[in-house]
C-alpha cells in the first residue's frame, strides 16, 4: 500500500497534474455557484479539453472540478438562499439565516473548512476501508433501497418535528411530483402533458423554485426596499473554538457521506440530508437548527464532499456508475 501511495503522489505532484488541479477547482467553484449548472454538466463541458491530455492530469482535473462544484453550490445557498447544486439544499437551511444575521463570512468559512476536512477524511477512509465496503454496497437490491427510501421519509419527519403535519404534507406533495413522467416499469405516461415532462421534473429547477422563488415572495410580502433587504457581511471568520465545537459532527458527517456515497443512486444529494438529520438529533441545541446553526452547515458540507470520494471509488473499482457521471466514467 505504501508503494502505491508514493507512486500516486509522484504522479500528482508534477506541473501538469497541479495545473489540472487548479483549473478544475476554479472551474468547479464557478459552475457550482451557478444555479442550474450541476457538477455533471461541468464534467460534460470539460471532457473535450481532456482529449489531448495525459490520463492522470485529466482525471485530476475532473475529480477536482466535481469536488469544487459540490462546495461551490453552498456559496449561493448561503448568500441568496439558492442552492447551486441539489446537495447544497441542506446547507441553505442554516447558511442563509446566518447570512441574514450579518455573519455570511462565518457561514462561508465553516462551509469550506468542513468541506476540506470531509474530503480529507473520506480519502483516508477510501484508502483503508473502501474495498470491503464496496463489496457490501454493490450487493444492494430492492429491499435495501426500500429501507433507504423509508429512512429518507423518516429524515423529513425528524426535521419537521415542530410541525409534523406540514412536513408530512410536503412529503406527500413531493411524492406526487415525482410521479410525473414515464413509468419506468410499465412505460405508461403519467401527467406528462408535453414531451418536456416525459423525464419528470428536473431536480435543479425544482430546488430553485423551492428556495429562490419562495424567498422572492417572502421579501415581496415584507414590502422592504433593496437597501433593507441587502445582507450585511462582516469579515469575521469562524473562530478555532467554533470549529472545534463542530469536530464530532464533521467527522460523523464525513463517514456518513462516504458510506452513503457508495450506495448506487444515492450520492451527495442523499448524504447531506442524512448527515444533517443525524447532527440535529445528536445536538444539544436542536432549536438552533434552521435558524443559523454552524453545526448544520458543517454536517451538510462535510457529507456532500465526502460522498464524492465514495461514489468515485465504487466506479473505479467495479466500473459501476453511482452518480450521473457517464462522461467521467468513460474518461476513466
C-alpha atoms as a PDB file:
ATOM      1  CA  UNK A   1       0.000   0.000   0.000  1.00  0.00           C
ATOM      2  CA  UNK A   2       2.796   2.422   0.890  1.00  0.00           C
ATOM      3  CA  UNK A   3       4.403   1.900  -2.501  1.00  0.00           C
ATOM      4  CA  UNK A   4       1.132   2.662  -4.266  1.00  0.00           C
ATOM      5  CA  UNK A   5       0.660   5.839  -2.214  1.00  0.00           C
ATOM      6  CA  UNK A   6       4.168   7.043  -3.027  1.00  0.00           C
ATOM      7  CA  UNK A   7       3.591   6.307  -6.705  1.00  0.00           C
ATOM      8  CA  UNK A   8       0.268   8.165  -6.617  1.00  0.00           C
ATOM      9  CA  UNK A   9       1.799  11.264  -5.043  1.00  0.00           C
ATOM     10  CA  UNK A  10       4.623  11.204  -7.580  1.00  0.00           C
ATOM     11  CA  UNK A  11       2.030  11.248 -10.363  1.00  0.00           C
ATOM     12  CA  UNK A  12       0.101  14.150  -8.864  1.00  0.00           C
ATOM     13  CA  UNK A  13       2.994  16.362  -7.729  1.00  0.00           C
ATOM     14  CA  UNK A  14       4.077  17.470 -11.187  1.00  0.00           C
ATOM     15  CA  UNK A  15       3.323  20.602 -13.161  1.00  0.00           C
ATOM     16  CA  UNK A  16       0.712  19.024 -15.456  1.00  0.00           C
ATOM     17  CA  UNK A  17      -1.333  17.459 -12.660  1.00  0.00           C
ATOM     18  CA  UNK A  18      -1.116  20.562 -10.472  1.00  0.00           C
ATOM     19  CA  UNK A  19      -2.249  22.726 -13.390  1.00  0.00           C
ATOM     20  CA  UNK A  20      -5.203  20.405 -13.942  1.00  0.00           C
ATOM     21  CA  UNK A  21      -5.973  20.568 -10.216  1.00  0.00           C
ATOM     22  CA  UNK A  22      -6.039  24.375 -10.188  1.00  0.00           C
ATOM     23  CA  UNK A  23      -8.044  24.684 -13.420  1.00  0.00           C
ATOM     24  CA  UNK A  24     -10.566  22.065 -12.316  1.00  0.00           C
ATOM     25  CA  UNK A  25     -11.007  23.644  -8.886  1.00  0.00           C
ATOM     26  CA  UNK A  26     -11.546  27.170 -10.229  1.00  0.00           C
ATOM     27  CA  UNK A  27     -13.986  25.944 -12.871  1.00  0.00           C
ATOM     28  CA  UNK A  28     -15.795  23.871 -10.249  1.00  0.00           C
ATOM     29  CA  UNK A  29     -16.280  26.852  -7.942  1.00  0.00           C
ATOM     30  CA  UNK A  30     -17.907  28.889 -10.716  1.00  0.00           C
ATOM     31  CA  UNK A  31     -20.035  26.015 -12.028  1.00  0.00           C
ATOM     32  CA  UNK A  32     -21.222  25.014  -8.560  1.00  0.00           C
ATOM     33  CA  UNK A  33     -22.129  28.589  -7.662  1.00  0.00           C
ATOM     34  CA  UNK A  34     -24.324  28.986 -10.754  1.00  0.00           C
ATOM     35  CA  UNK A  35     -27.837  27.640 -10.098  1.00  0.00           C
ATOM     36  CA  UNK A  36     -28.795  25.345 -12.939  1.00  0.00           C
ATOM     37  CA  UNK A  37     -25.255  24.165 -13.705  1.00  0.00           C
ATOM     38  CA  UNK A  38     -24.654  20.900 -11.865  1.00  0.00           C
ATOM     39  CA  UNK A  39     -21.297  19.132 -11.394  1.00  0.00           C
ATOM     40  CA  UNK A  40     -22.406  16.629 -14.034  1.00  0.00           C
ATOM     41  CA  UNK A  41     -22.838  19.410 -16.588  1.00  0.00           C
ATOM     42  CA  UNK A  42     -19.441  20.783 -15.616  1.00  0.00           C
ATOM     43  CA  UNK A  43     -17.828  17.395 -16.214  1.00  0.00           C
ATOM     44  CA  UNK A  44     -19.529  17.143 -19.611  1.00  0.00           C
ATOM     45  CA  UNK A  45     -18.311  20.633 -20.576  1.00  0.00           C
ATOM     46  CA  UNK A  46     -14.748  19.850 -19.537  1.00  0.00           C
ATOM     47  CA  UNK A  47     -14.489  16.446 -21.220  1.00  0.00           C
ATOM     48  CA  UNK A  48     -13.468  17.831 -24.672  1.00  0.00           C
ATOM     49  CA  UNK A  49     -10.456  19.544 -23.110  1.00  0.00           C
ATOM     50  CA  UNK A  50      -9.145  16.199 -21.826  1.00  0.00           C
ATOM     51  CA  UNK A  51      -8.876  14.502 -25.220  1.00  0.00           C
ATOM     52  CA  UNK A  52      -5.342  15.773 -25.764  1.00  0.00           C
ATOM     53  CA  UNK A  53      -4.263  15.363 -22.123  1.00  0.00           C
ATOM     54  CA  UNK A  54      -2.497  12.516 -20.371  1.00  0.00           C
ATOM     55  CA  UNK A  55      -4.799  10.291 -18.281  1.00  0.00           C
ATOM     56  CA  UNK A  56      -3.552  11.346 -14.826  1.00  0.00           C
ATOM     57  CA  UNK A  57      -3.863  15.152 -15.277  1.00  0.00           C
ATOM     58  CA  UNK A  58      -7.248  14.639 -16.949  1.00  0.00           C
ATOM     59  CA  UNK A  59      -8.585  12.568 -14.049  1.00  0.00           C
ATOM     60  CA  UNK A  60      -7.165  15.050 -11.508  1.00  0.00           C
ATOM     61  CA  UNK A  61      -8.893  17.936 -13.284  1.00  0.00           C
ATOM     62  CA  UNK A  62     -12.254  16.155 -13.496  1.00  0.00           C
ATOM     63  CA  UNK A  63     -12.216  14.985  -9.870  1.00  0.00           C
ATOM     64  CA  UNK A  64     -11.171  18.419  -8.591  1.00  0.00           C
ATOM     65  CA  UNK A  65     -13.948  20.041 -10.652  1.00  0.00           C
ATOM     66  CA  UNK A  66     -16.580  17.739  -9.214  1.00  0.00           C
ATOM     67  CA  UNK A  67     -15.376  18.217  -5.638  1.00  0.00           C
ATOM     68  CA  UNK A  68     -15.124  22.003  -6.002  1.00  0.00           C
ATOM     69  CA  UNK A  69     -18.567  22.205  -7.607  1.00  0.00           C
ATOM     70  CA  UNK A  70     -20.118  20.434  -4.623  1.00  0.00           C
ATOM     71  CA  UNK A  71     -18.646  23.120  -2.378  1.00  0.00           C
ATOM     72  CA  UNK A  72     -19.456  25.953  -4.795  1.00  0.00           C
ATOM     73  CA  UNK A  73     -23.144  25.106  -4.612  1.00  0.00           C
ATOM     74  CA  UNK A  74     -23.082  26.129  -0.961  1.00  0.00           C
ATOM     75  CA  UNK A  75     -21.915  29.673  -1.774  1.00  0.00           C
ATOM     76  CA  UNK A  76     -25.185  30.765  -3.380  1.00  0.00           C
ATOM     77  CA  UNK A  77     -27.136  28.659  -0.889  1.00  0.00           C
ATOM     78  CA  UNK A  78     -25.664  30.738   1.931  1.00  0.00           C
ATOM     79  CA  UNK A  79     -25.722  34.161   0.288  1.00  0.00           C
ATOM     80  CA  UNK A  80     -29.022  34.213  -1.647  1.00  0.00           C
ATOM     81  CA  UNK A  81     -30.833  31.058  -0.464  1.00  0.00           C
ATOM     82  CA  UNK A  82     -30.489  29.475  -3.923  1.00  0.00           C
ATOM     83  CA  UNK A  83     -28.579  26.166  -3.871  1.00  0.00           C
ATOM     84  CA  UNK A  84     -26.182  25.960  -6.794  1.00  0.00           C
ATOM     85  CA  UNK A  85     -26.319  22.158  -6.612  1.00  0.00           C
ATOM     86  CA  UNK A  86     -29.032  19.856  -5.241  1.00  0.00           C
ATOM     87  CA  UNK A  87     -26.688  18.700  -2.460  1.00  0.00           C
ATOM     88  CA  UNK A  88     -26.393  22.285  -1.178  1.00  0.00           C
ATOM     89  CA  UNK A  89     -30.081  22.459  -0.265  1.00  0.00           C
ATOM     90  CA  UNK A  90     -29.345  21.298   3.285  1.00  0.00           C
ATOM     91  CA  UNK A  91     -26.674  23.996   3.611  1.00  0.00           C
ATOM     92  CA  UNK A  92     -29.241  26.695   2.840  1.00  0.00           C
ATOM     93  CA  UNK A  93     -31.339  25.778   5.887  1.00  0.00           C
ATOM     94  CA  UNK A  94     -28.773  27.268   8.281  1.00  0.00           C
ATOM     95  CA  UNK A  95     -26.404  29.122   5.965  1.00  0.00           C
ATOM     96  CA  UNK A  96     -28.893  31.697   4.728  1.00  0.00           C
ATOM     97  CA  UNK A  97     -30.356  32.546   8.164  1.00  0.00           C
ATOM     98  CA  UNK A  98     -26.799  33.049   9.409  1.00  0.00           C
ATOM     99  CA  UNK A  99     -26.059  35.320   6.451  1.00  0.00           C
ATOM    100  CA  UNK A 100     -29.208  37.315   7.193  1.00  0.00           C
ATOM    101  CA  UNK A 101     -27.779  37.965  10.650  1.00  0.00           C
ATOM    102  CA  UNK A 102     -24.716  39.578   9.064  1.00  0.00           C
ATOM    103  CA  UNK A 103     -22.455  36.552   9.545  1.00  0.00           C
ATOM    104  CA  UNK A 104     -22.114  35.375   5.949  1.00  0.00           C
ATOM    105  CA  UNK A 105     -18.315  35.211   6.241  1.00  0.00           C
ATOM    106  CA  UNK A 106     -18.618  32.894   9.234  1.00  0.00           C
ATOM    107  CA  UNK A 107     -21.035  30.647   7.332  1.00  0.00           C
ATOM    108  CA  UNK A 108     -18.793  30.528   4.253  1.00  0.00           C
ATOM    109  CA  UNK A 109     -15.727  29.844   6.388  1.00  0.00           C
ATOM    110  CA  UNK A 110     -17.432  26.975   8.186  1.00  0.00           C
ATOM    111  CA  UNK A 111     -18.580  25.621   4.840  1.00  0.00           C
ATOM    112  CA  UNK A 112     -15.148  25.486   3.225  1.00  0.00           C
ATOM    113  CA  UNK A 113     -13.410  24.137   6.346  1.00  0.00           C
ATOM    114  CA  UNK A 114     -15.987  21.363   6.769  1.00  0.00           C
ATOM    115  CA  UNK A 115     -15.770  20.567   3.056  1.00  0.00           C
ATOM    116  CA  UNK A 116     -11.990  20.306   3.153  1.00  0.00           C
ATOM    117  CA  UNK A 117     -11.940  18.134   6.275  1.00  0.00           C
ATOM    118  CA  UNK A 118     -14.699  15.935   4.860  1.00  0.00           C
ATOM    119  CA  UNK A 119     -12.766  15.413   1.636  1.00  0.00           C
ATOM    120  CA  UNK A 120      -9.599  14.530   3.571  1.00  0.00           C
ATOM    121  CA  UNK A 121     -11.320  12.077   5.927  1.00  0.00           C
ATOM    122  CA  UNK A 122     -13.158  10.374   3.070  1.00  0.00           C
ATOM    123  CA  UNK A 123      -9.885   9.992   1.169  1.00  0.00           C
ATOM    124  CA  UNK A 124      -8.312   8.258   4.171  1.00  0.00           C
ATOM    125  CA  UNK A 125     -11.378   6.022   4.510  1.00  0.00           C
ATOM    126  CA  UNK A 126     -11.185   5.175   0.825  1.00  0.00           C
ATOM    127  CA  UNK A 127      -7.577   4.056   1.199  1.00  0.00           C
ATOM    128  CA  UNK A 128      -8.203   1.973   4.323  1.00  0.00           C
ATOM    129  CA  UNK A 129     -11.716   0.528   4.173  1.00  0.00           C
ATOM    130  CA  UNK A 130     -13.228   1.042   0.741  1.00  0.00           C
ATOM    131  CA  UNK A 131     -12.591  -2.445  -0.649  1.00  0.00           C
ATOM    132  CA  UNK A 132     -14.671  -4.392   1.930  1.00  0.00           C
ATOM    133  CA  UNK A 133     -17.346  -1.674   1.989  1.00  0.00           C
ATOM    134  CA  UNK A 134     -17.640  -1.735  -1.795  1.00  0.00           C
ATOM    135  CA  UNK A 135     -18.199  -5.489  -1.711  1.00  0.00           C
ATOM    136  CA  UNK A 136     -21.181  -4.877   0.586  1.00  0.00           C
ATOM    137  CA  UNK A 137     -22.773  -1.889  -1.150  1.00  0.00           C
ATOM    138  CA  UNK A 138     -22.565  -3.473  -4.588  1.00  0.00           C
ATOM    139  CA  UNK A 139     -24.976  -6.169  -3.355  1.00  0.00           C
ATOM    140  CA  UNK A 140     -27.725  -3.674  -2.526  1.00  0.00           C
ATOM    141  CA  UNK A 141     -31.029  -4.705  -4.112  1.00  0.00           C
ATOM    142  CA  UNK A 142     -34.724  -3.757  -3.912  1.00  0.00           C
ATOM    143  CA  UNK A 143     -35.273  -4.456  -0.170  1.00  0.00           C
ATOM    144  CA  UNK A 144     -32.269  -2.347   0.809  1.00  0.00           C
ATOM    145  CA  UNK A 145     -33.386   0.527  -1.423  1.00  0.00           C
ATOM    146  CA  UNK A 146     -36.875   0.332   0.039  1.00  0.00           C
ATOM    147  CA  UNK A 147     -35.374   0.687   3.523  1.00  0.00           C
ATOM    148  CA  UNK A 148     -33.273   3.602   2.261  1.00  0.00           C
ATOM    149  CA  UNK A 149     -36.422   5.319   0.956  1.00  0.00           C
ATOM    150  CA  UNK A 150     -38.185   4.795   4.287  1.00  0.00           C
ATOM    151  CA  UNK A 151     -35.155   6.239   6.044  1.00  0.00           C
ATOM    152  CA  UNK A 152     -35.369   9.295   3.770  1.00  0.00           C
ATOM    153  CA  UNK A 153     -39.001   9.838   4.733  1.00  0.00           C
ATOM    154  CA  UNK A 154     -38.098   9.475   8.398  1.00  0.00           C
ATOM    155  CA  UNK A 155     -35.443  12.169   7.925  1.00  0.00           C
ATOM    156  CA  UNK A 156     -38.198  14.560   6.834  1.00  0.00           C
ATOM    157  CA  UNK A 157     -40.217  13.637   9.911  1.00  0.00           C
ATOM    158  CA  UNK A 158     -37.199  14.313  12.099  1.00  0.00           C
ATOM    159  CA  UNK A 159     -36.501  17.695  10.500  1.00  0.00           C
ATOM    160  CA  UNK A 160     -40.131  18.796  10.790  1.00  0.00           C
ATOM    161  CA  UNK A 161     -40.789  17.560  14.319  1.00  0.00           C
ATOM    162  CA  UNK A 162     -42.029  21.024  15.345  1.00  0.00           C
ATOM    163  CA  UNK A 163     -44.627  20.975  12.541  1.00  0.00           C
ATOM    164  CA  UNK A 164     -45.048  17.302  11.723  1.00  0.00           C
ATOM    165  CA  UNK A 165     -48.341  17.717   9.845  1.00  0.00           C
ATOM    166  CA  UNK A 166     -46.852  20.306   7.488  1.00  0.00           C
ATOM    167  CA  UNK A 167     -43.795  18.126   6.989  1.00  0.00           C
ATOM    168  CA  UNK A 168     -45.824  15.068   6.017  1.00  0.00           C
ATOM    169  CA  UNK A 169     -47.992  17.154   3.663  1.00  0.00           C
ATOM    170  CA  UNK A 170     -44.800  18.375   1.996  1.00  0.00           C
ATOM    171  CA  UNK A 171     -43.601  14.780   1.659  1.00  0.00           C
ATOM    172  CA  UNK A 172     -46.907  13.762   0.057  1.00  0.00           C
ATOM    173  CA  UNK A 173     -46.735  16.645  -2.422  1.00  0.00           C
ATOM    174  CA  UNK A 174     -43.115  15.809  -3.265  1.00  0.00           C
ATOM    175  CA  UNK A 175     -44.009  12.165  -3.896  1.00  0.00           C
ATOM    176  CA  UNK A 176     -46.853  13.263  -6.192  1.00  0.00           C
ATOM    177  CA  UNK A 177     -44.448  15.472  -8.146  1.00  0.00           C
ATOM    178  CA  UNK A 178     -42.033  12.556  -8.601  1.00  0.00           C
ATOM    179  CA  UNK A 179     -44.776  10.536 -10.326  1.00  0.00           C
ATOM    180  CA  UNK A 180     -44.673  12.932 -13.297  1.00  0.00           C
ATOM    181  CA  UNK A 181     -43.041  11.313 -16.322  1.00  0.00           C
ATOM    182  CA  UNK A 182     -42.872   7.887 -17.932  1.00  0.00           C
ATOM    183  CA  UNK A 183     -43.372   4.938 -15.597  1.00  0.00           C
ATOM    184  CA  UNK A 184     -40.031   3.060 -15.514  1.00  0.00           C
ATOM    185  CA  UNK A 185     -41.763  -0.351 -15.247  1.00  0.00           C
ATOM    186  CA  UNK A 186     -44.901  -0.169 -17.408  1.00  0.00           C
ATOM    187  CA  UNK A 187     -43.829   2.653 -19.737  1.00  0.00           C
ATOM    188  CA  UNK A 188     -47.153   4.466 -19.298  1.00  0.00           C
ATOM    189  CA  UNK A 189     -47.366   8.266 -19.338  1.00  0.00           C
ATOM    190  CA  UNK A 190     -48.127   9.952 -16.021  1.00  0.00           C
ATOM    191  CA  UNK A 191     -49.170  13.637 -16.059  1.00  0.00           C
ATOM    192  CA  UNK A 192     -46.641  14.413 -18.806  1.00  0.00           C
ATOM    193  CA  UNK A 193     -48.818  16.969 -20.672  1.00  0.00           C
ATOM    194  CA  UNK A 194     -45.992  17.689 -23.146  1.00  0.00           C
ATOM    195  CA  UNK A 195     -42.807  15.882 -24.101  1.00  0.00           C
ATOM    196  CA  UNK A 196     -40.824  18.273 -21.861  1.00  0.00           C
ATOM    197  CA  UNK A 197     -42.033  16.388 -18.780  1.00  0.00           C
ATOM    198  CA  UNK A 198     -41.523  12.853 -20.098  1.00  0.00           C
ATOM    199  CA  UNK A 199     -38.398  12.534 -17.936  1.00  0.00           C
ATOM    200  CA  UNK A 200     -40.067  14.091 -14.907  1.00  0.00           C
ATOM    201  CA  UNK A 201     -39.405  17.390 -13.148  1.00  0.00           C
ATOM    202  CA  UNK A 202     -35.654  18.185 -13.194  1.00  0.00           C
ATOM    203  CA  UNK A 203     -34.193  18.446  -9.703  1.00  0.00           C
ATOM    204  CA  UNK A 204     -32.305  21.728 -10.117  1.00  0.00           C
ATOM    205  CA  UNK A 205     -35.304  23.822 -11.332  1.00  0.00           C
ATOM    206  CA  UNK A 206     -37.360  22.295  -8.532  1.00  0.00           C
ATOM    207  CA  UNK A 207     -34.740  23.380  -5.980  1.00  0.00           C
ATOM    208  CA  UNK A 208     -34.586  26.887  -7.436  1.00  0.00           C
ATOM    209  CA  UNK A 209     -38.361  27.142  -7.240  1.00  0.00           C
ATOM    210  CA  UNK A 210     -38.442  25.797  -3.705  1.00  0.00           C
ATOM    211  CA  UNK A 211     -35.785  28.108  -2.285  1.00  0.00           C
ATOM    212  CA  UNK A 212     -35.219  31.109  -4.585  1.00  0.00           C
ATOM    213  CA  UNK A 213     -38.778  31.791  -5.759  1.00  0.00           C
ATOM    214  CA  UNK A 214     -40.215  31.297  -2.277  1.00  0.00           C
ATOM    215  CA  UNK A 215     -37.629  33.729  -0.905  1.00  0.00           C
ATOM    216  CA  UNK A 216     -38.684  36.293  -3.526  1.00  0.00           C
ATOM    217  CA  UNK A 217     -42.305  36.037  -2.383  1.00  0.00           C
ATOM    218  CA  UNK A 218     -41.258  36.338   1.269  1.00  0.00           C
ATOM    219  CA  UNK A 219     -39.256  39.501   0.559  1.00  0.00           C
ATOM    220  CA  UNK A 220     -42.106  40.948  -1.528  1.00  0.00           C
ATOM    221  CA  UNK A 221     -44.582  40.316   1.279  1.00  0.00           C
ATOM    222  CA  UNK A 222     -42.404  42.265   3.719  1.00  0.00           C
ATOM    223  CA  UNK A 223     -42.504  45.290   1.383  1.00  0.00           C
ATOM    224  CA  UNK A 224     -38.936  46.299   2.130  1.00  0.00           C
ATOM    225  CA  UNK A 225     -36.615  48.366  -0.019  1.00  0.00           C
ATOM    226  CA  UNK A 226     -33.484  46.941  -1.598  1.00  0.00           C
ATOM    227  CA  UNK A 227     -31.234  48.619   0.955  1.00  0.00           C
ATOM    228  CA  UNK A 228     -33.130  46.950   3.797  1.00  0.00           C
ATOM    229  CA  UNK A 229     -33.003  43.525   2.151  1.00  0.00           C
ATOM    230  CA  UNK A 230     -29.272  43.649   1.363  1.00  0.00           C
ATOM    231  CA  UNK A 231     -27.115  41.411   3.501  1.00  0.00           C
ATOM    232  CA  UNK A 232     -24.622  42.874   5.940  1.00  0.00           C
ATOM    233  CA  UNK A 233     -21.442  40.867   5.588  1.00  0.00           C
ATOM    234  CA  UNK A 234     -18.701  41.230   8.149  1.00  0.00           C
ATOM    235  CA  UNK A 235     -15.191  39.865   7.846  1.00  0.00           C
ATOM    236  CA  UNK A 236     -15.287  37.640  10.916  1.00  0.00           C
ATOM    237  CA  UNK A 237     -14.433  34.051  10.044  1.00  0.00           C
ATOM    238  CA  UNK A 238     -15.340  31.222  12.426  1.00  0.00           C
ATOM    239  CA  UNK A 239     -13.022  31.012  15.400  1.00  0.00           C
ATOM    240  CA  UNK A 240     -11.000  27.926  16.214  1.00  0.00           C
ATOM    241  CA  UNK A 241     -13.283  27.314  19.195  1.00  0.00           C
ATOM    242  CA  UNK A 242     -16.356  27.282  16.963  1.00  0.00           C
ATOM    243  CA  UNK A 243     -14.719  24.882  14.507  1.00  0.00           C
ATOM    244  CA  UNK A 244     -13.593  22.584  17.321  1.00  0.00           C
ATOM    245  CA  UNK A 245     -17.137  22.525  18.677  1.00  0.00           C
ATOM    246  CA  UNK A 246     -18.202  21.029  15.323  1.00  0.00           C
ATOM    247  CA  UNK A 247     -15.392  18.464  15.124  1.00  0.00           C
ATOM    248  CA  UNK A 248     -17.572  15.494  16.086  1.00  0.00           C
ATOM    249  CA  UNK A 249     -20.277  16.467  13.614  1.00  0.00           C
ATOM    250  CA  UNK A 250     -17.744  16.975  10.819  1.00  0.00           C
ATOM    251  CA  UNK A 251     -16.161  13.576  11.483  1.00  0.00           C
ATOM    252  CA  UNK A 252     -19.541  11.854  11.629  1.00  0.00           C
ATOM    253  CA  UNK A 253     -20.760  13.665   8.524  1.00  0.00           C
ATOM    254  CA  UNK A 254     -17.638  12.598   6.637  1.00  0.00           C
ATOM    255  CA  UNK A 255     -18.208   8.939   7.488  1.00  0.00           C
ATOM    256  CA  UNK A 256     -21.917   9.156   6.641  1.00  0.00           C
ATOM    257  CA  UNK A 257     -21.174  10.889   3.350  1.00  0.00           C
ATOM    258  CA  UNK A 258     -18.577   8.319   2.354  1.00  0.00           C
ATOM    259  CA  UNK A 259     -20.837   5.335   3.091  1.00  0.00           C
ATOM    260  CA  UNK A 260     -23.954   6.846   1.513  1.00  0.00           C
ATOM    261  CA  UNK A 261     -21.897   7.955  -1.483  1.00  0.00           C
ATOM    262  CA  UNK A 262     -21.008   4.336  -2.175  1.00  0.00           C
ATOM    263  CA  UNK A 263     -24.680   3.352  -2.420  1.00  0.00           C
ATOM    264  CA  UNK A 264     -25.894   3.249  -6.036  1.00  0.00           C
ATOM    265  CA  UNK A 265     -28.411   6.002  -6.860  1.00  0.00           C
ATOM    266  CA  UNK A 266     -27.743   7.824  -3.562  1.00  0.00           C
ATOM    267  CA  UNK A 267     -24.712  10.116  -3.642  1.00  0.00           C
ATOM    268  CA  UNK A 268     -24.270  13.590  -2.174  1.00  0.00           C
ATOM    269  CA  UNK A 269     -27.939  14.548  -2.602  1.00  0.00           C
ATOM    270  CA  UNK A 270     -28.940  11.933  -0.023  1.00  0.00           C
ATOM    271  CA  UNK A 271     -25.816  12.076   2.138  1.00  0.00           C
ATOM    272  CA  UNK A 272     -26.228  15.752   3.062  1.00  0.00           C
ATOM    273  CA  UNK A 273     -29.754  15.204   4.432  1.00  0.00           C
ATOM    274  CA  UNK A 274     -28.857  12.049   6.346  1.00  0.00           C
ATOM    275  CA  UNK A 275     -25.892  13.834   7.926  1.00  0.00           C
ATOM    276  CA  UNK A 276     -27.937  16.963   8.697  1.00  0.00           C
ATOM    277  CA  UNK A 277     -30.672  14.958  10.394  1.00  0.00           C
ATOM    278  CA  UNK A 278     -28.104  12.963  12.377  1.00  0.00           C
ATOM    279  CA  UNK A 279     -26.408  16.164  13.547  1.00  0.00           C
ATOM    280  CA  UNK A 280     -29.722  17.694  14.563  1.00  0.00           C
ATOM    281  CA  UNK A 281     -30.798  14.655  16.561  1.00  0.00           C
ATOM    282  CA  UNK A 282     -27.484  14.432  18.424  1.00  0.00           C
ATOM    283  CA  UNK A 283     -27.078  18.166  19.061  1.00  0.00           C
ATOM    284  CA  UNK A 284     -27.724  19.812  22.409  1.00  0.00           C
ATOM    285  CA  UNK A 285     -29.026  22.889  20.575  1.00  0.00           C
ATOM    286  CA  UNK A 286     -31.739  21.407  18.359  1.00  0.00           C
ATOM    287  CA  UNK A 287     -33.752  24.617  18.436  1.00  0.00           C
ATOM    288  CA  UNK A 288     -30.964  26.497  16.630  1.00  0.00           C
ATOM    289  CA  UNK A 289     -31.110  24.236  13.571  1.00  0.00           C
ATOM    290  CA  UNK A 290     -32.839  26.033  10.742  1.00  0.00           C
ATOM    291  CA  UNK A 291     -32.047  29.413  12.307  1.00  0.00           C
ATOM    292  CA  UNK A 292     -28.310  29.698  11.655  1.00  0.00           C
ATOM    293  CA  UNK A 293     -26.555  26.795  13.393  1.00  0.00           C
ATOM    294  CA  UNK A 294     -22.922  26.276  12.412  1.00  0.00           C
ATOM    295  CA  UNK A 295     -23.369  22.586  13.190  1.00  0.00           C
ATOM    296  CA  UNK A 296     -25.969  22.282  10.434  1.00  0.00           C
ATOM    297  CA  UNK A 297     -23.651  23.852   7.860  1.00  0.00           C
ATOM    298  CA  UNK A 298     -20.739  21.658   8.946  1.00  0.00           C
ATOM    299  CA  UNK A 299     -22.818  18.468   8.805  1.00  0.00           C
ATOM    300  CA  UNK A 300     -24.177  19.123   5.318  1.00  0.00           C
ATOM    301  CA  UNK A 301     -20.924  20.312   3.758  1.00  0.00           C
ATOM    302  CA  UNK A 302     -18.719  17.568   5.194  1.00  0.00           C
ATOM    303  CA  UNK A 303     -21.151  14.920   3.935  1.00  0.00           C
ATOM    304  CA  UNK A 304     -21.680  16.155   0.384  1.00  0.00           C
ATOM    305  CA  UNK A 305     -17.941  16.428  -0.262  1.00  0.00           C
ATOM    306  CA  UNK A 306     -17.036  13.082   1.290  1.00  0.00           C
ATOM    307  CA  UNK A 307     -19.791  11.426  -0.782  1.00  0.00           C
ATOM    308  CA  UNK A 308     -17.829  12.237  -3.936  1.00  0.00           C
ATOM    309  CA  UNK A 309     -14.942  10.023  -2.791  1.00  0.00           C
ATOM    310  CA  UNK A 310     -17.261   7.128  -2.008  1.00  0.00           C
ATOM    311  CA  UNK A 311     -19.012   7.345  -5.361  1.00  0.00           C
ATOM    312  CA  UNK A 312     -15.767   7.804  -7.290  1.00  0.00           C
ATOM    313  CA  UNK A 313     -14.146   4.790  -5.701  1.00  0.00           C
ATOM    314  CA  UNK A 314     -17.055   2.483  -6.496  1.00  0.00           C
ATOM    315  CA  UNK A 315     -16.999   3.022 -10.231  1.00  0.00           C
ATOM    316  CA  UNK A 316     -13.193   2.963 -10.230  1.00  0.00           C
ATOM    317  CA  UNK A 317     -13.210  -0.435  -8.531  1.00  0.00           C
ATOM    318  CA  UNK A 318     -16.287  -2.079 -10.050  1.00  0.00           C
ATOM    319  CA  UNK A 319     -16.812   0.012 -13.201  1.00  0.00           C
ATOM    320  CA  UNK A 320     -20.198   0.830 -11.702  1.00  0.00           C
ATOM    321  CA  UNK A 321     -21.763   4.245 -12.203  1.00  0.00           C
ATOM    322  CA  UNK A 322     -23.121   5.547  -8.900  1.00  0.00           C
ATOM    323  CA  UNK A 323     -23.563   9.215  -9.768  1.00  0.00           C
ATOM    324  CA  UNK A 324     -24.680  10.509 -13.183  1.00  0.00           C
ATOM    325  CA  UNK A 325     -21.097  10.814 -14.412  1.00  0.00           C
ATOM    326  CA  UNK A 326     -21.203   8.991 -17.748  1.00  0.00           C
ATOM    327  CA  UNK A 327     -18.596  11.257 -19.407  1.00  0.00           C
ATOM    328  CA  UNK A 328     -16.396  10.935 -16.317  1.00  0.00           C
ATOM    329  CA  UNK A 329     -16.653   7.127 -16.229  1.00  0.00           C
ATOM    330  CA  UNK A 330     -15.858   6.933 -19.942  1.00  0.00           C
ATOM    331  CA  UNK A 331     -12.747   9.018 -19.356  1.00  0.00           C
ATOM    332  CA  UNK A 332     -11.639   6.719 -16.532  1.00  0.00           C
END
